[in-house]
PDB file of N, CA and C in Angstrom:
ATOM      1  N   ILE A   1      85.527  91.422  92.681  1.00  0.00           N
ATOM      2  CA  ILE A   1      84.507  91.372  93.728  1.00  0.00           C
ATOM      3  C   ILE A   1      85.145  91.889  95.017  1.00  0.00           C
ATOM      4  N   PRO A   2      84.601  92.939  95.603  1.00  0.00           N
ATOM      5  CA  PRO A   2      85.149  93.464  96.855  1.00  0.00           C
ATOM      6  C   PRO A   2      85.010  92.447  97.997  1.00  0.00           C
ATOM      7  N   THR A   3      86.036  92.374  98.777  1.00  0.00           N
ATOM      8  CA  THR A   3      86.019  91.464  99.929  1.00  0.00           C
ATOM      9  C   THR A   3      85.995  92.288 101.213  1.00  0.00           C
ATOM     10  N   PRO A   4      85.601  91.688 102.318  1.00  0.00           N
ATOM     11  CA  PRO A   4      85.570  92.421 103.596  1.00  0.00           C
ATOM     12  C   PRO A   4      86.955  92.878 104.063  1.00  0.00           C
ATOM     13  N   THR A   5      87.997  92.303 103.508  1.00  0.00           N
ATOM     14  CA  THR A   5      89.343  92.718 103.927  1.00  0.00           C
ATOM     15  C   THR A   5      89.685  94.127 103.477  1.00  0.00           C
ATOM     16  N   LEU A   6      88.884  94.693 102.583  1.00  0.00           N
ATOM     17  CA  LEU A   6      89.095  96.089 102.184  1.00  0.00           C
ATOM     18  C   LEU A   6      88.952  97.037 103.369  1.00  0.00           C
ATOM     19  N   LEU A   7      88.227  96.606 104.384  1.00  0.00           N
ATOM     20  CA  LEU A   7      88.047  97.438 105.575  1.00  0.00           C
ATOM     21  C   LEU A   7      89.346  97.609 106.364  1.00  0.00           C
ATOM     22  N   TYR A   8      90.330  96.761 106.101  1.00  0.00           N
ATOM     23  CA  TYR A   8      91.641  96.888 106.751  1.00  0.00           C
ATOM     24  C   TYR A   8      92.494  98.003 106.140  1.00  0.00           C
ATOM     25  N   LEU A   9      92.154  98.441 104.954  1.00  0.00           N
ATOM     26  CA  LEU A   9      93.009  99.402 104.241  1.00  0.00           C
ATOM     27  C   LEU A   9      93.285 100.697 105.008  1.00  0.00           C
ATOM     28  N   PRO A  10      92.300 101.320 105.664  1.00  0.00           N
ATOM     29  CA  PRO A  10      92.645 102.526 106.431  1.00  0.00           C
ATOM     30  C   PRO A  10      93.651 102.266 107.543  1.00  0.00           C
ATOM     31  N   VAL A  11      93.547 101.107 108.175  1.00  0.00           N
ATOM     32  CA  VAL A  11      94.494 100.774 109.248  1.00  0.00           C
ATOM     33  C   VAL A  11      95.863 100.468 108.663  1.00  0.00           C
ATOM     34  N   ILE A  12      95.888  99.807 107.507  1.00  0.00           N
ATOM     35  CA  ILE A  12      97.157  99.496 106.850  1.00  0.00           C
ATOM     36  C   ILE A  12      97.813 100.779 106.337  1.00  0.00           C
ATOM     37  N   ALA A  13      97.006 101.743 105.899  1.00  0.00           N
ATOM     38  CA  ALA A  13      97.552 102.997 105.359  1.00  0.00           C
ATOM     39  C   ALA A  13      98.044 103.941 106.451  1.00  0.00           C
ATOM     40  N   LEU A  14      97.609 103.749 107.685  1.00  0.00           N
ATOM     41  CA  LEU A  14      98.016 104.645 108.773  1.00  0.00           C
ATOM     42  C   LEU A  14      99.528 104.708 108.970  1.00  0.00           C
ATOM     43  N   PRO A  15     100.274 103.594 108.907  1.00  0.00           N
ATOM     44  CA  PRO A  15     101.733 103.722 109.015  1.00  0.00           C
ATOM     45  C   PRO A  15     102.348 104.578 107.913  1.00  0.00           C
ATOM     46  N   VAL A  16     101.806 104.518 106.711  1.00  0.00           N
ATOM     47  CA  VAL A  16     102.328 105.350 105.619  1.00  0.00           C
ATOM     48  C   VAL A  16     102.113 106.824 105.945  1.00  0.00           C
ATOM     49  N   VAL A  17     100.946 107.141 106.470  1.00  0.00           N
ATOM     50  CA  VAL A  17     100.649 108.521 106.846  1.00  0.00           C
ATOM     51  C   VAL A  17     101.602 108.995 107.948  1.00  0.00           C
ATOM     52  N   LEU A  18     101.844 108.153 108.943  1.00  0.00           N
ATOM     53  CA  LEU A  18     102.725 108.531 110.051  1.00  0.00           C
ATOM     54  C   LEU A  18     104.175 108.672 109.600  1.00  0.00           C
ATOM     55  N   ILE A  19     104.646 107.776 108.753  1.00  0.00           N
ATOM     56  CA  ILE A  19     106.014 107.878 108.236  1.00  0.00           C
ATOM     57  C   ILE A  19     106.163 109.140 107.399  1.00  0.00           C
ATOM     58  N   THR A  20     105.153 109.427 106.590  1.00  0.00           N
ATOM     59  CA  THR A  20     105.192 110.638 105.774  1.00  0.00           C
ATOM     60  C   THR A  20     105.208 111.880 106.650  1.00  0.00           C
ATOM     61  N   LEU A  21     104.396 111.899 107.679  1.00  0.00           N
ATOM     62  CA  LEU A  21     104.349 113.038 108.584  1.00  0.00           C
ATOM     63  C   LEU A  21     105.686 113.256 109.273  1.00  0.00           C
ATOM     64  N   GLY A  22     106.284 112.182 109.781  1.00  0.00           N
ATOM     65  CA  GLY A  22     107.598 112.304 110.410  1.00  0.00           C
ATOM     66  C   GLY A  22     108.656 112.762 109.431  1.00  0.00           C
ATOM     67  N   SER A  23     108.606 112.257 108.211  1.00  0.00           N
ATOM     68  CA  SER A  23     109.571 112.660 107.178  1.00  0.00           C
ATOM     69  C   SER A  23     109.412 114.130 106.819  1.00  0.00           C
ATOM     70  N   VAL A  24     108.185 114.586 106.732  1.00  0.00           N
ATOM     71  CA  VAL A  24     107.947 115.991 106.399  1.00  0.00           C
ATOM     72  C   VAL A  24     108.493 116.904 107.488  1.00  0.00           C
ATOM     73  N   TRP A  25     108.286 116.532 108.741  1.00  0.00           N
ATOM     74  CA  TRP A  25     108.824 117.353 109.835  1.00  0.00           C
ATOM     75  C   TRP A  25     110.350 117.419 109.779  1.00  0.00           C
ATOM     76  N   ILE A  26     110.980 116.294 109.535  1.00  0.00           N
ATOM     77  CA  ILE A  26     112.446 116.276 109.501  1.00  0.00           C
ATOM     78  C   ILE A  26     112.968 117.023 108.276  1.00  0.00           C
ATOM     79  N   ILE A  27     112.421 116.717 107.105  1.00  0.00           N
ATOM     80  CA  ILE A  27     112.931 117.310 105.867  1.00  0.00           C
ATOM     81  C   ILE A  27     112.673 118.811 105.825  1.00  0.00           C
ATOM     82  N   SER A  28     111.524 119.237 106.321  1.00  0.00           N
ATOM     83  CA  SER A  28     111.237 120.676 106.285  1.00  0.00           C
ATOM     84  C   SER A  28     112.158 121.456 107.209  1.00  0.00           C
ATOM     85  N   SER A  29     112.492 120.891 108.356  1.00  0.00           N
ATOM     86  CA  SER A  29     113.396 121.616 109.256  1.00  0.00           C
ATOM     87  C   SER A  29     114.831 121.585 108.750  1.00  0.00           C
ATOM     88  N   VAL A  30     115.262 120.476 108.193  1.00  0.00           N
ATOM     89  CA  VAL A  30     116.609 120.392 107.646  1.00  0.00           C
ATOM     90  C   VAL A  30     116.706 121.216 106.364  1.00  0.00           C
ATOM     91  N   GLY A  31     115.629 121.240 105.577  1.00  0.00           N
ATOM     92  CA  GLY A  31     115.620 121.972 104.327  1.00  0.00           C
ATOM     93  C   GLY A  31     115.777 123.469 104.499  1.00  0.00           C
ATOM     94  N   LEU A  32     115.447 123.974 105.655  1.00  0.00           N
ATOM     95  CA  LEU A  32     115.633 125.391 105.908  1.00  0.00           C
ATOM     96  C   LEU A  32     117.118 125.738 106.010  1.00  0.00           C
ATOM     97  N   TYR A  33     117.902 124.809 106.535  1.00  0.00           N
ATOM     98  CA  TYR A  33     119.342 125.021 106.686  1.00  0.00           C
ATOM     99  C   TYR A  33     120.119 124.576 105.447  1.00  0.00           C
ATOM    100  N   LEU A  34     119.687 123.505 104.828  1.00  0.00           N
ATOM    101  CA  LEU A  34     120.348 122.961 103.640  1.00  0.00           C
ATOM    102  C   LEU A  34     119.399 123.107 102.450  1.00  0.00           C
ATOM    103  N   ARG A  35     119.599 124.113 101.653  1.00  0.00           N
ATOM    104  CA  ARG A  35     118.657 124.448 100.574  1.00  0.00           C
ATOM    105  C   ARG A  35     118.609 123.398  99.469  1.00  0.00           C
ATOM    106  N   ASP A  36     119.654 122.633  99.294  1.00  0.00           N
ATOM    107  CA  ASP A  36     119.709 121.661  98.196  1.00  0.00           C
ATOM    108  C   ASP A  36     119.116 120.310  98.568  1.00  0.00           C
ATOM    109  N   ILE A  37     118.451 120.223  99.694  1.00  0.00           N
ATOM    110  CA  ILE A  37     117.925 118.923 100.121  1.00  0.00           C
ATOM    111  C   ILE A  37     116.818 118.430  99.194  1.00  0.00           C
ATOM    112  N   GLY A  38     116.178 119.335  98.463  1.00  0.00           N
ATOM    113  CA  GLY A  38     115.140 118.928  97.516  1.00  0.00           C
ATOM    114  C   GLY A  38     115.662 117.984  96.450  1.00  0.00           C
ATOM    115  N   HIS A  39     116.885 118.183  96.024  1.00  0.00           N
ATOM    116  CA  HIS A  39     117.482 117.294  95.017  1.00  0.00           C
ATOM    117  C   HIS A  39     117.729 115.908  95.609  1.00  0.00           C
ATOM    118  N   ILE A  40     118.174 115.868  96.843  1.00  0.00           N
ATOM    119  CA  ILE A  40     118.434 114.591  97.508  1.00  0.00           C
ATOM    120  C   ILE A  40     117.127 113.851  97.751  1.00  0.00           C
ATOM    121  N   VAL A  41     116.093 114.574  98.169  1.00  0.00           N
ATOM    122  CA  VAL A  41     114.796 113.950  98.427  1.00  0.00           C
ATOM    123  C   VAL A  41     114.239 113.342  97.146  1.00  0.00           C
ATOM    124  N   GLY A  42     114.405 114.029  96.028  1.00  0.00           N
ATOM    125  CA  GLY A  42     113.950 113.481  94.752  1.00  0.00           C
ATOM    126  C   GLY A  42     114.636 112.172  94.406  1.00  0.00           C
ATOM    127  N   LEU A  43     115.939 112.110  94.618  1.00  0.00           N
ATOM    128  CA  LEU A  43     116.678 110.872  94.359  1.00  0.00           C
ATOM    129  C   LEU A  43     116.254 109.752  95.316  1.00  0.00           C
ATOM    130  N   LEU A  44     116.106 110.085  96.590  1.00  0.00           N
ATOM    131  CA  LEU A  44     115.713 109.073  97.567  1.00  0.00           C
ATOM    132  C   LEU A  44     114.294 108.559  97.310  1.00  0.00           C
ATOM    133  N   THR A  45     113.411 109.436  96.887  1.00  0.00           N
ATOM    134  CA  THR A  45     112.041 109.020  96.591  1.00  0.00           C
ATOM    135  C   THR A  45     112.011 108.071  95.401  1.00  0.00           C
ATOM    136  N   THR A  46     112.780 108.370  94.381  1.00  0.00           N
ATOM    137  CA  THR A  46     112.845 107.491  93.216  1.00  0.00           C
ATOM    138  C   THR A  46     113.452 106.140  93.596  1.00  0.00           C
ATOM    139  N   ALA A  47     114.507 106.165  94.385  1.00  0.00           N
ATOM    140  CA  ALA A  47     115.121 104.907  94.823  1.00  0.00           C
ATOM    141  C   ALA A  47     114.143 104.087  95.659  1.00  0.00           C
ATOM    142  N   LEU A  48     113.415 104.747  96.556  1.00  0.00           N
ATOM    143  CA  LEU A  48     112.456 104.035  97.397  1.00  0.00           C
ATOM    144  C   LEU A  48     111.325 103.443  96.562  1.00  0.00           C
ATOM    145  N   LEU A  49     110.940 104.115  95.486  1.00  0.00           N
ATOM    146  CA  LEU A  49     109.912 103.600  94.594  1.00  0.00           C
ATOM    147  C   LEU A  49     110.339 102.263  93.986  1.00  0.00           C
ATOM    148  N   PHE A  50     111.577 102.190  93.529  1.00  0.00           N
ATOM    149  CA  PHE A  50     112.043 100.965  92.892  1.00  0.00           C
ATOM    150  C   PHE A  50     112.478  99.898  93.893  1.00  0.00           C
ATOM    151  N   LEU A  51     112.771 100.286  95.118  1.00  0.00           N
ATOM    152  CA  LEU A  51     113.153  99.315  96.133  1.00  0.00           C
ATOM    153  C   LEU A  51     111.959  98.779  96.920  1.00  0.00           C
ATOM    154  N   SER A  52     110.789  99.318  96.663  1.00  0.00           N
ATOM    155  CA  SER A  52     109.571  98.863  97.329  1.00  0.00           C
ATOM    156  C   SER A  52     108.786  97.948  96.406  1.00  0.00           C
ATOM    157  N   PRO A  53     108.058  96.989  96.974  1.00  0.00           N
ATOM    158  CA  PRO A  53     107.331  96.019  96.129  1.00  0.00           C
ATOM    159  C   PRO A  53     106.036  96.594  95.567  1.00  0.00           C
ATOM    160  N   ILE A  54     106.173  97.615  94.750  1.00  0.00           N
ATOM    161  CA  ILE A  54     104.998  98.211  94.124  1.00  0.00           C
ATOM    162  C   ILE A  54     104.728  97.526  92.794  1.00  0.00           C
ATOM    163  N   PHE A  55     105.763  97.380  91.985  1.00  0.00           N
ATOM    164  CA  PHE A  55     105.614  96.822  90.648  1.00  0.00           C
ATOM    165  C   PHE A  55     105.975  95.343  90.579  1.00  0.00           C
ATOM    166  N   TYR A  56     106.388  94.770  91.675  1.00  0.00           N
ATOM    167  CA  TYR A  56     106.793  93.369  91.693  1.00  0.00           C
ATOM    168  C   TYR A  56     106.436  92.776  93.060  1.00  0.00           C
ATOM    169  N   PRO A  57     106.277  91.462  93.141  1.00  0.00           N
ATOM    170  CA  PRO A  57     105.999  90.841  94.439  1.00  0.00           C
ATOM    171  C   PRO A  57     107.285  90.705  95.261  1.00  0.00           C
ATOM    172  N   ALA A  58     107.137  90.633  96.558  1.00  0.00           N
ATOM    173  CA  ALA A  58     108.297  90.492  97.440  1.00  0.00           C
ATOM    174  C   ALA A  58     109.023  89.174  97.176  1.00  0.00           C
ATOM    175  N   SER A  59     108.322  88.189  96.665  1.00  0.00           N
ATOM    176  CA  SER A  59     108.954  86.902  96.389  1.00  0.00           C
ATOM    177  C   SER A  59     109.943  86.987  95.225  1.00  0.00           C
ATOM    178  N   ALA A  60     109.886  88.056  94.444  1.00  0.00           N
ATOM    179  CA  ALA A  60     110.804  88.229  93.320  1.00  0.00           C
ATOM    180  C   ALA A  60     112.187  88.686  93.759  1.00  0.00           C
ATOM    181  N   VAL A  61     112.315  89.116  95.010  1.00  0.00           N
ATOM    182  CA  VAL A  61     113.614  89.564  95.523  1.00  0.00           C
ATOM    183  C   VAL A  61     114.463  88.333  95.832  1.00  0.00           C
ATOM    184  N   PRO A  62     115.699  88.266  95.341  1.00  0.00           N
ATOM    185  CA  PRO A  62     116.555  87.103  95.606  1.00  0.00           C
ATOM    186  C   PRO A  62     116.775  86.898  97.113  1.00  0.00           C
ATOM    187  N   ASP A  63     116.988  85.659  97.486  1.00  0.00           N
ATOM    188  CA  ASP A  63     117.149  85.304  98.898  1.00  0.00           C
ATOM    189  C   ASP A  63     118.309  86.044  99.559  1.00  0.00           C
ATOM    190  N   ARG A  64     119.378  86.273  98.831  1.00  0.00           N
ATOM    191  CA  ARG A  64     120.541  86.925  99.442  1.00  0.00           C
ATOM    192  C   ARG A  64     120.281  88.392  99.785  1.00  0.00           C
ATOM    193  N   PHE A  65     119.211  88.979  99.206  1.00  0.00           N
ATOM    194  CA  PHE A  65     118.867  90.375  99.486  1.00  0.00           C
ATOM    195  C   PHE A  65     117.670  90.520 100.420  1.00  0.00           C
ATOM    196  N   GLN A  66     117.076  89.419 100.850  1.00  0.00           N
ATOM    197  CA  GLN A  66     115.882  89.482 101.694  1.00  0.00           C
ATOM    198  C   GLN A  66     116.142  90.193 103.021  1.00  0.00           C
ATOM    199  N   ALA A  67     117.314  90.012 103.600  1.00  0.00           N
ATOM    200  CA  ALA A  67     117.617  90.667 104.884  1.00  0.00           C
ATOM    201  C   ALA A  67     117.626  92.189 104.724  1.00  0.00           C
ATOM    202  N   TYR A  68     118.179  92.667 103.621  1.00  0.00           N
ATOM    203  CA  TYR A  68     118.190  94.104 103.356  1.00  0.00           C
ATOM    204  C   TYR A  68     116.801  94.605 102.967  1.00  0.00           C
ATOM    205  N   TYR A  69     116.087  93.753 102.267  1.00  0.00           N
ATOM    206  CA  TYR A  69     114.762  94.118 101.786  1.00  0.00           C
ATOM    207  C   TYR A  69     113.803  94.386 102.940  1.00  0.00           C
ATOM    208  N   THR A  70     113.923  93.626 104.011  1.00  0.00           N
ATOM    209  CA  THR A  70     113.021  93.800 105.152  1.00  0.00           C
ATOM    210  C   THR A  70     113.297  95.094 105.916  1.00  0.00           C
ATOM    211  N   LEU A  71     114.423  95.746 105.641  1.00  0.00           N
ATOM    212  CA  LEU A  71     114.700  97.034 106.277  1.00  0.00           C
ATOM    213  C   LEU A  71     113.883  98.167 105.671  1.00  0.00           C
ATOM    214  N   ASN A  72     113.322  97.955 104.498  1.00  0.00           N
ATOM    215  CA  ASN A  72     112.487  98.955 103.844  1.00  0.00           C
ATOM    216  C   ASN A  72     111.188  99.090 104.641  1.00  0.00           C
ATOM    217  N   PRO A  73     110.894 100.269 105.175  1.00  0.00           N
ATOM    218  CA  PRO A  73     109.687 100.393 106.004  1.00  0.00           C
ATOM    219  C   PRO A  73     108.389 100.208 105.220  1.00  0.00           C
ATOM    220  N   PHE A  74     108.423 100.398 103.917  1.00  0.00           N
ATOM    221  CA  PHE A  74     107.204 100.282 103.127  1.00  0.00           C
ATOM    222  C   PHE A  74     106.980  98.877 102.576  1.00  0.00           C
ATOM    223  N   ALA A  75     107.957  98.005 102.652  1.00  0.00           N
ATOM    224  CA  ALA A  75     107.823  96.673 102.062  1.00  0.00           C
ATOM    225  C   ALA A  75     106.681  95.891 102.706  1.00  0.00           C
ATOM    226  N   HIS A  76     106.660  95.854 104.021  1.00  0.00           N
ATOM    227  CA  HIS A  76     105.614  95.088 104.712  1.00  0.00           C
ATOM    228  C   HIS A  76     104.243  95.729 104.545  1.00  0.00           C
ATOM    229  N   ILE A  77     104.214  97.051 104.579  1.00  0.00           N
ATOM    230  CA  ILE A  77     102.944  97.763 104.444  1.00  0.00           C
ATOM    231  C   ILE A  77     102.339  97.513 103.061  1.00  0.00           C
ATOM    232  N   LEU A  78     103.174  97.562 102.033  1.00  0.00           N
ATOM    233  CA  LEU A  78     102.678  97.323 100.679  1.00  0.00           C
ATOM    234  C   LEU A  78     102.230  95.881 100.485  1.00  0.00           C
ATOM    235  N   GLU A  79     102.946  94.953 101.067  1.00  0.00           N
ATOM    236  CA  GLU A  79     102.543  93.554 100.953  1.00  0.00           C
ATOM    237  C   GLU A  79     101.215  93.312 101.673  1.00  0.00           C
ATOM    238  N   MET A  80     101.030  93.939 102.831  1.00  0.00           N
ATOM    239  CA  MET A  80      99.752  93.792 103.538  1.00  0.00           C
ATOM    240  C   MET A  80      98.608  94.407 102.741  1.00  0.00           C
ATOM    241  N   SER A  81      98.860  95.565 102.137  1.00  0.00           N
ATOM    242  CA  SER A  81      97.793  96.210 101.356  1.00  0.00           C
ATOM    243  C   SER A  81      97.463  95.407 100.101  1.00  0.00           C
ATOM    244  N   LYS A  82      98.453  94.826  99.450  1.00  0.00           N
ATOM    245  CA  LYS A  82      98.186  93.961  98.295  1.00  0.00           C
ATOM    246  C   LYS A  82      97.372  92.742  98.713  1.00  0.00           C
ATOM    247  N   GLY A  83      97.719  92.174  99.861  1.00  0.00           N
ATOM    248  CA  GLY A  83      96.973  91.012 100.351  1.00  0.00           C
ATOM    249  C   GLY A  83      95.518  91.348 100.624  1.00  0.00           C
ATOM    250  N   ALA A  84      95.283  92.498 101.243  1.00  0.00           N
ATOM    251  CA  ALA A  84      93.905  92.896 101.551  1.00  0.00           C
ATOM    252  C   ALA A  84      93.132  93.264 100.298  1.00  0.00           C
ATOM    253  N   LEU A  85      93.793  93.919  99.343  1.00  0.00           N
ATOM    254  CA  LEU A  85      93.108  94.376  98.131  1.00  0.00           C
ATOM    255  C   LEU A  85      92.829  93.258  97.132  1.00  0.00           C
ATOM    256  N   PHE A  86      93.844  92.477  96.839  1.00  0.00           N
ATOM    257  CA  PHE A  86      93.750  91.530  95.734  1.00  0.00           C
ATOM    258  C   PHE A  86      93.488  90.085  96.133  1.00  0.00           C
ATOM    259  N   TYR A  87      93.941  89.689  97.330  1.00  0.00           N
ATOM    260  CA  TYR A  87      93.877  88.275  97.688  1.00  0.00           C
ATOM    261  C   TYR A  87      92.925  87.981  98.842  1.00  0.00           C
ATOM    262  N   GLY A  88      92.295  89.003  99.409  1.00  0.00           N
ATOM    263  CA  GLY A  88      91.360  88.787 100.509  1.00  0.00           C
ATOM    264  C   GLY A  88      92.019  88.314 101.783  1.00  0.00           C
ATOM    265  N   GLN A  89      93.283  88.673 101.987  1.00  0.00           N
ATOM    266  CA  GLN A  89      94.017  88.234 103.179  1.00  0.00           C
ATOM    267  C   GLN A  89      94.023  89.347 104.223  1.00  0.00           C
ATOM    268  N   ALA A  90      93.693  88.980 105.427  1.00  0.00           N
ATOM    269  CA  ALA A  90      93.779  89.933 106.536  1.00  0.00           C
ATOM    270  C   ALA A  90      95.253  90.084 106.920  1.00  0.00           C
ATOM    271  N   PRO A  91      95.668  91.273 107.329  1.00  0.00           N
ATOM    272  CA  PRO A  91      97.066  91.447 107.725  1.00  0.00           C
ATOM    273  C   PRO A  91      97.362  90.710 109.031  1.00  0.00           C
ATOM    274  N   GLU A  92      98.619  90.297 109.171  1.00  0.00           N
ATOM    275  CA  GLU A  92      99.035  89.660 110.418  1.00  0.00           C
ATOM    276  C   GLU A  92      98.994  90.705 111.525  1.00  0.00           C
ATOM    277  N   PRO A  93      98.302  90.434 112.629  1.00  0.00           N
ATOM    278  CA  PRO A  93      98.183  91.438 113.692  1.00  0.00           C
ATOM    279  C   PRO A  93      99.532  91.860 114.279  1.00  0.00           C
ATOM    280  N   ALA A  94     100.444  90.930 114.452  1.00  0.00           N
ATOM    281  CA  ALA A  94     101.747  91.277 115.038  1.00  0.00           C
ATOM    282  C   ALA A  94     102.541  92.176 114.088  1.00  0.00           C
ATOM    283  N   LEU A  95     102.521  91.861 112.811  1.00  0.00           N
ATOM    284  CA  LEU A  95     103.249  92.666 111.832  1.00  0.00           C
ATOM    285  C   LEU A  95     102.618  94.046 111.687  1.00  0.00           C
ATOM    286  N   LEU A  96     101.294  94.100 111.648  1.00  0.00           N
ATOM    287  CA  LEU A  96     100.608  95.383 111.552  1.00  0.00           C
ATOM    288  C   LEU A  96     100.863  96.219 112.804  1.00  0.00           C
ATOM    289  N   GLY A  97     100.842  95.596 113.957  1.00  0.00           N
ATOM    290  CA  GLY A  97     101.133  96.309 115.201  1.00  0.00           C
ATOM    291  C   GLY A  97     102.553  96.837 115.234  1.00  0.00           C
ATOM    292  N   ALA A  98     103.495  96.038 114.736  1.00  0.00           N
ATOM    293  CA  ALA A  98     104.896  96.484 114.692  1.00  0.00           C
ATOM    294  C   ALA A  98     105.053  97.658 113.725  1.00  0.00           C
ATOM    295  N   CYS A  99     104.368  97.587 112.582  1.00  0.00           N
ATOM    296  CA  CYS A  99     104.426  98.697 111.620  1.00  0.00           C
ATOM    297  C   CYS A  99     103.815  99.962 112.212  1.00  0.00           C
ATOM    298  N   LEU A 100     102.699  99.816 112.907  1.00  0.00           N
ATOM    299  CA  LEU A 100     102.066 100.970 113.538  1.00  0.00           C
ATOM    300  C   LEU A 100     102.953 101.569 114.629  1.00  0.00           C
ATOM    301  N   ALA A 101     103.532 100.718 115.451  1.00  0.00           N
ATOM    302  CA  ALA A 101     104.390 101.206 116.532  1.00  0.00           C
ATOM    303  C   ALA A 101     105.643 101.883 115.991  1.00  0.00           C
ATOM    304  N   GLY A 102     106.261 101.268 114.996  1.00  0.00           N
ATOM    305  CA  GLY A 102     107.463 101.855 114.412  1.00  0.00           C
ATOM    306  C   GLY A 102     107.197 103.167 113.704  1.00  0.00           C
ATOM    307  N   SER A 103     106.092 103.230 112.981  1.00  0.00           N
ATOM    308  CA  SER A 103     105.771 104.470 112.275  1.00  0.00           C
ATOM    309  C   SER A 103     105.359 105.569 113.244  1.00  0.00           C
ATOM    310  N   TRP A 104     104.669 105.210 114.311  1.00  0.00           N
ATOM    311  CA  TRP A 104     104.318 106.200 115.329  1.00  0.00           C
ATOM    312  C   TRP A 104     105.583 106.747 115.985  1.00  0.00           C
ATOM    313  N   ALA A 105     106.521 105.865 116.304  1.00  0.00           N
ATOM    314  CA  ALA A 105     107.781 106.304 116.915  1.00  0.00           C
ATOM    315  C   ALA A 105     108.551 107.218 115.966  1.00  0.00           C
ATOM    316  N   PHE A 106     108.597 106.875 114.678  1.00  0.00           N
ATOM    317  CA  PHE A 106     109.289 107.720 113.711  1.00  0.00           C
ATOM    318  C   PHE A 106     108.619 109.080 113.589  1.00  0.00           C
ATOM    319  N   SER A 107     107.304 109.094 113.579  1.00  0.00           N
ATOM    320  CA  SER A 107     106.574 110.353 113.501  1.00  0.00           C
ATOM    321  C   SER A 107     106.828 111.208 114.741  1.00  0.00           C
ATOM    322  N   TRP A 108     106.841 110.580 115.888  1.00  0.00           N
ATOM    323  CA  TRP A 108     107.098 111.303 117.136  1.00  0.00           C
ATOM    324  C   TRP A 108     108.522 111.862 117.151  1.00  0.00           C
ATOM    325  N   LEU A 109     109.489 111.094 116.692  1.00  0.00           N
ATOM    326  CA  LEU A 109     110.861 111.593 116.619  1.00  0.00           C
ATOM    327  C   LEU A 109     110.982 112.748 115.632  1.00  0.00           C
ATOM    328  N   GLY A 110     110.271 112.658 114.510  1.00  0.00           N
ATOM    329  CA  GLY A 110     110.255 113.763 113.555  1.00  0.00           C
ATOM    330  C   GLY A 110     109.670 115.020 114.162  1.00  0.00           C
ATOM    331  N   TYR A 111     108.619 114.859 114.952  1.00  0.00           N
ATOM    332  CA  TYR A 111     108.001 116.001 115.627  1.00  0.00           C
ATOM    333  C   TYR A 111     108.967 116.615 116.638  1.00  0.00           C
ATOM    334  N   LEU A 112     109.609 115.765 117.421  1.00  0.00           N
ATOM    335  CA  LEU A 112     110.576 116.273 118.408  1.00  0.00           C
ATOM    336  C   LEU A 112     111.732 116.996 117.718  1.00  0.00           C
ATOM    337  N   TRP A 113     112.214 116.440 116.623  1.00  0.00           N
ATOM    338  CA  TRP A 113     113.290 117.077 115.856  1.00  0.00           C
ATOM    339  C   TRP A 113     112.849 118.459 115.361  1.00  0.00           C
ATOM    340  N   PHE A 114     111.633 118.529 114.819  1.00  0.00           N
ATOM    341  CA  PHE A 114     111.128 119.784 114.295  1.00  0.00           C
ATOM    342  C   PHE A 114     110.999 120.829 115.411  1.00  0.00           C
ATOM    343  N   MET A 115     110.453 120.431 116.533  1.00  0.00           N
ATOM    344  CA  MET A 115     110.269 121.372 117.638  1.00  0.00           C
ATOM    345  C   MET A 115     111.610 121.872 118.178  1.00  0.00           C
ATOM    346  N   ARG A 116     112.588 120.999 118.178  1.00  0.00           N
ATOM    347  CA  ARG A 116     113.910 121.419 118.649  1.00  0.00           C
ATOM    348  C   ARG A 116     114.585 122.371 117.646  1.00  0.00           C
ATOM    349  N   ALA A 117     114.429 122.062 116.369  1.00  0.00           N
ATOM    350  CA  ALA A 117     115.048 122.894 115.327  1.00  0.00           C
ATOM    351  C   ALA A 117     114.297 124.205 115.122  1.00  0.00           C
ATOM    352  N   LYS A 118     113.052 124.234 115.529  1.00  0.00           N
ATOM    353  CA  LYS A 118     112.203 125.402 115.321  1.00  0.00           C
ATOM    354  C   LYS A 118     112.756 126.659 116.008  1.00  0.00           C
ATOM    355  N   LYS A 119     113.498 126.461 117.046  1.00  0.00           N
ATOM    356  CA  LYS A 119     114.048 127.601 117.797  1.00  0.00           C
ATOM    357  C   LYS A 119     115.008 128.427 116.948  1.00  0.00           C
ATOM    358  N   GLY A 120     115.657 127.821 115.985  1.00  0.00           N
ATOM    359  CA  GLY A 120     116.632 128.540 115.155  1.00  0.00           C
ATOM    360  C   GLY A 120     116.094 128.994 113.811  1.00  0.00           C
ATOM    361  N   PHE A 121     114.804 128.777 113.541  1.00  0.00           N
ATOM    362  CA  PHE A 121     114.250 129.147 112.244  1.00  0.00           C
ATOM    363  C   PHE A 121     114.337 130.639 111.973  1.00  0.00           C
ATOM    364  N   ALA A 122     114.065 131.457 112.962  1.00  0.00           N
ATOM    365  CA  ALA A 122     114.062 132.901 112.760  1.00  0.00           C
ATOM    366  C   ALA A 122     115.459 133.423 112.399  1.00  0.00           C
ATOM    367  N   ASP A 123     116.479 132.771 112.907  1.00  0.00           N
ATOM    368  CA  ASP A 123     117.857 133.178 112.615  1.00  0.00           C
ATOM    369  C   ASP A 123     118.238 132.887 111.173  1.00  0.00           C
ATOM    370  N   VAL A 124     117.684 131.825 110.606  1.00  0.00           N
ATOM    371  CA  VAL A 124     118.042 131.407 109.263  1.00  0.00           C
ATOM    372  C   VAL A 124     117.228 132.141 108.211  1.00  0.00           C
ATOM    373  N   VAL A 125     115.974 132.365 108.504  1.00  0.00           N
ATOM    374  CA  VAL A 125     115.091 133.036 107.538  1.00  0.00           C
ATOM    375  C   VAL A 125     115.396 134.494 107.572  1.00  0.00           C
TER     376      VAL A 125
END
């Protein structure tokens, strides 16, 4: 049965979009100089898949690893989306705001990095 908390999903997904956008700007500019970065990105993406709470709940992570686990930028976003989708829980406003602010900052830094690196693209290509 759909719950009204499904309306939070676009807002919860916005940090993922911003992190992806910032990552694309950084990886595309670095990838022009380092051609083998595609192999590294593949490994990092696979590692991030298994280190994120997609296939398991965050409570399954042992207590001694919780401090490291919270460093994963997608952990909180995925937990909020699971809460909204499956349990009818609204996301915590402070946590959602922190995720939005952090992802916006990362996206902005990725944009600045790309614009700065863009000056040397013609020399490399």
